[in-house]
C-alpha atoms as a PDB file:
ATOM      1  CA  UNK A   1     122.912 109.157  98.250  1.00  0.00           C
ATOM      2  CA  UNK A   2     123.065 105.362  98.210  1.00  0.00           C
ATOM      3  CA  UNK A   3     120.791 105.174 101.255  1.00  0.00           C
ATOM      4  CA  UNK A   4     118.211 107.372  99.500  1.00  0.00           C
ATOM      5  CA  UNK A   5     118.369 105.179  96.411  1.00  0.00           C
ATOM      6  CA  UNK A   6     117.792 102.047  98.495  1.00  0.00           C
ATOM      7  CA  UNK A   7     114.848 103.646 100.301  1.00  0.00           C
ATOM      8  CA  UNK A   8     113.355 104.805  96.997  1.00  0.00           C
ATOM      9  CA  UNK A   9     113.748 101.338  95.495  1.00  0.00           C
ATOM     10  CA  UNK A  10     112.141  99.713  98.547  1.00  0.00           C
ATOM     11  CA  UNK A  11     109.242 102.146  98.446  1.00  0.00           C
ATOM     12  CA  UNK A  12     108.477 101.687  94.749  1.00  0.00           C
ATOM     13  CA  UNK A  13     109.444  98.025  94.357  1.00  0.00           C
ATOM     14  CA  UNK A  14     105.985  97.028  93.092  1.00  0.00           C
ATOM     15  CA  UNK A  15     106.097  99.695  90.392  1.00  0.00           C
ATOM     16  CA  UNK A  16     109.563  98.512  89.400  1.00  0.00           C
ATOM     17  CA  UNK A  17     108.341  94.910  89.269  1.00  0.00           C
ATOM     18  CA  UNK A  18     105.350  95.833  87.078  1.00  0.00           C
ATOM     19  CA  UNK A  19     107.568  97.841  84.712  1.00  0.00           C
ATOM     20  CA  UNK A  20     109.996  94.921  84.470  1.00  0.00           C
ATOM     21  CA  UNK A  21     107.129  92.532  83.761  1.00  0.00           C
ATOM     22  CA  UNK A  22     105.828  94.783  80.977  1.00  0.00           C
ATOM     23  CA  UNK A  23     109.327  94.957  79.513  1.00  0.00           C
ATOM     24  CA  UNK A  24     109.593  91.159  79.591  1.00  0.00           C
ATOM     25  CA  UNK A  25     106.218  90.777  77.886  1.00  0.00           C
ATOM     26  CA  UNK A  26     107.287  93.228  75.187  1.00  0.00           C
ATOM     27  CA  UNK A  27     110.503  91.274  74.674  1.00  0.00           C
ATOM     28  CA  UNK A  28     108.485  88.097  74.058  1.00  0.00           C
ATOM     29  CA  UNK A  29     106.836  89.773  71.062  1.00  0.00           C
ATOM     30  CA  UNK A  30     110.123  89.612  69.166  1.00  0.00           C
ATOM     31  CA  UNK A  31     110.765  86.515  67.088  1.00  0.00           C
ATOM     32  CA  UNK A  32     113.847  84.985  68.653  1.00  0.00           C
ATOM     33  CA  UNK A  33     114.864  81.822  70.463  1.00  0.00           C
ATOM     34  CA  UNK A  34     114.687  83.266  73.967  1.00  0.00           C
ATOM     35  CA  UNK A  35     110.940  83.999  73.853  1.00  0.00           C
ATOM     36  CA  UNK A  36     110.134  81.185  76.244  1.00  0.00           C
ATOM     37  CA  UNK A  37     112.649  82.400  78.805  1.00  0.00           C
ATOM     38  CA  UNK A  38     111.218  85.916  78.784  1.00  0.00           C
ATOM     39  CA  UNK A  39     107.684  84.563  79.000  1.00  0.00           C
ATOM     40  CA  UNK A  40     108.530  82.309  81.947  1.00  0.00           C
ATOM     41  CA  UNK A  41     110.235  85.203  83.742  1.00  0.00           C
ATOM     42  CA  UNK A  42     107.213  87.429  83.084  1.00  0.00           C
ATOM     43  CA  UNK A  43     104.829  84.799  84.510  1.00  0.00           C
ATOM     44  CA  UNK A  44     106.986  84.301  87.616  1.00  0.00           C
ATOM     45  CA  UNK A  45     107.181  88.054  88.123  1.00  0.00           C
ATOM     46  CA  UNK A  46     103.407  88.376  87.705  1.00  0.00           C
ATOM     47  CA  UNK A  47     102.821  85.662  90.304  1.00  0.00           C
ATOM     48  CA  UNK A  48     105.158  87.389  92.753  1.00  0.00           C
ATOM     49  CA  UNK A  49     103.342  90.696  92.227  1.00  0.00           C
ATOM     50  CA  UNK A  50      99.988  89.021  92.887  1.00  0.00           C
ATOM     51  CA  UNK A  51     101.424  87.362  95.999  1.00  0.00           C
ATOM     52  CA  UNK A  52     102.663  90.699  97.345  1.00  0.00           C
ATOM     53  CA  UNK A  53      99.326  92.384  96.696  1.00  0.00           C
ATOM     54  CA  UNK A  54      97.238  89.590  98.210  1.00  0.00           C
ATOM     55  CA  UNK A  55      99.405  88.722 101.219  1.00  0.00           C
ATOM     56  CA  UNK A  56     100.624  92.295 101.852  1.00  0.00           C
ATOM     57  CA  UNK A  57     104.172  91.110 102.466  1.00  0.00           C
ATOM     58  CA  UNK A  58     107.266  90.849 100.279  1.00  0.00           C
ATOM     59  CA  UNK A  59     107.917  87.662  98.351  1.00  0.00           C
ATOM     60  CA  UNK A  60     111.285  87.399 100.089  1.00  0.00           C
ATOM     61  CA  UNK A  61     109.461  86.408 103.298  1.00  0.00           C
ATOM     62  CA  UNK A  62     107.808  83.406 101.609  1.00  0.00           C
ATOM     63  CA  UNK A  63     110.647  80.938 102.403  1.00  0.00           C
ATOM     64  CA  UNK A  64     110.575  82.018 106.053  1.00  0.00           C
ATOM     65  CA  UNK A  65     106.821  81.380 106.139  1.00  0.00           C
ATOM     66  CA  UNK A  66     107.361  77.878 104.728  1.00  0.00           C
ATOM     67  CA  UNK A  67     110.157  77.220 107.231  1.00  0.00           C
ATOM     68  CA  UNK A  68     107.971  78.376 110.116  1.00  0.00           C
ATOM     69  CA  UNK A  69     105.124  76.115 108.983  1.00  0.00           C
ATOM     70  CA  UNK A  70     107.372  73.083 108.538  1.00  0.00           C
ATOM     71  CA  UNK A  71     109.045  73.539 111.936  1.00  0.00           C
ATOM     72  CA  UNK A  72     105.804  73.409 113.906  1.00  0.00           C
ATOM     73  CA  UNK A  73     105.611  70.370 116.173  1.00  0.00           C
ATOM     74  CA  UNK A  74     103.750  67.424 114.740  1.00  0.00           C
ATOM     75  CA  UNK A  75     101.189  65.288 116.506  1.00  0.00           C
ATOM     76  CA  UNK A  76     102.538  63.110 119.293  1.00  0.00           C
ATOM     77  CA  UNK A  77     100.077  60.338 118.515  1.00  0.00           C
ATOM     78  CA  UNK A  78      97.442  59.649 115.954  1.00  0.00           C
ATOM     79  CA  UNK A  79      93.730  59.358 116.589  1.00  0.00           C
ATOM     80  CA  UNK A  80      93.544  56.795 113.793  1.00  0.00           C
ATOM     81  CA  UNK A  81      95.220  53.571 114.941  1.00  0.00           C
ATOM     82  CA  UNK A  82      95.002  52.127 111.443  1.00  0.00           C
ATOM     83  CA  UNK A  83      97.802  54.412 110.246  1.00  0.00           C
ATOM     84  CA  UNK A  84      99.901  54.872 113.360  1.00  0.00           C
ATOM     85  CA  UNK A  85     101.096  52.392 115.945  1.00  0.00           C
ATOM     86  CA  UNK A  86     103.669  53.337 118.516  1.00  0.00           C
ATOM     87  CA  UNK A  87     106.916  51.298 118.411  1.00  0.00           C
ATOM     88  CA  UNK A  88     106.173  49.843 121.852  1.00  0.00           C
ATOM     89  CA  UNK A  89     102.848  48.392 120.651  1.00  0.00           C
ATOM     90  CA  UNK A  90     104.106  47.010 117.334  1.00  0.00           C
ATOM     91  CA  UNK A  91     104.119  43.239 116.933  1.00  0.00           C
ATOM     92  CA  UNK A  92     106.922  41.636 114.980  1.00  0.00           C
ATOM     93  CA  UNK A  93     105.743  39.065 112.429  1.00  0.00           C
ATOM     94  CA  UNK A  94     105.897  35.536 113.822  1.00  0.00           C
ATOM     95  CA  UNK A  95     105.666  36.557 117.509  1.00  0.00           C
END
């Protein structure tokens, strides 16, 4: 039973996200102090829905994508000597 519920939730997660976003937008219509919080949550949820539709992957994989990009090896040397000088070639001031 629990396994079926998890599978159903995973299958219809976009529909659940859209329904939650609509609920948050409707809650912002009320005149209370927490309007901004509901509006911010609705905007974040809308952005995550757009990300999932455009990238065709869950938002939960976004941090892994950033980590993979940041862990790629950097350049070993620069083609612009104005901005990069290897430590062996650096001159100390006064020498």
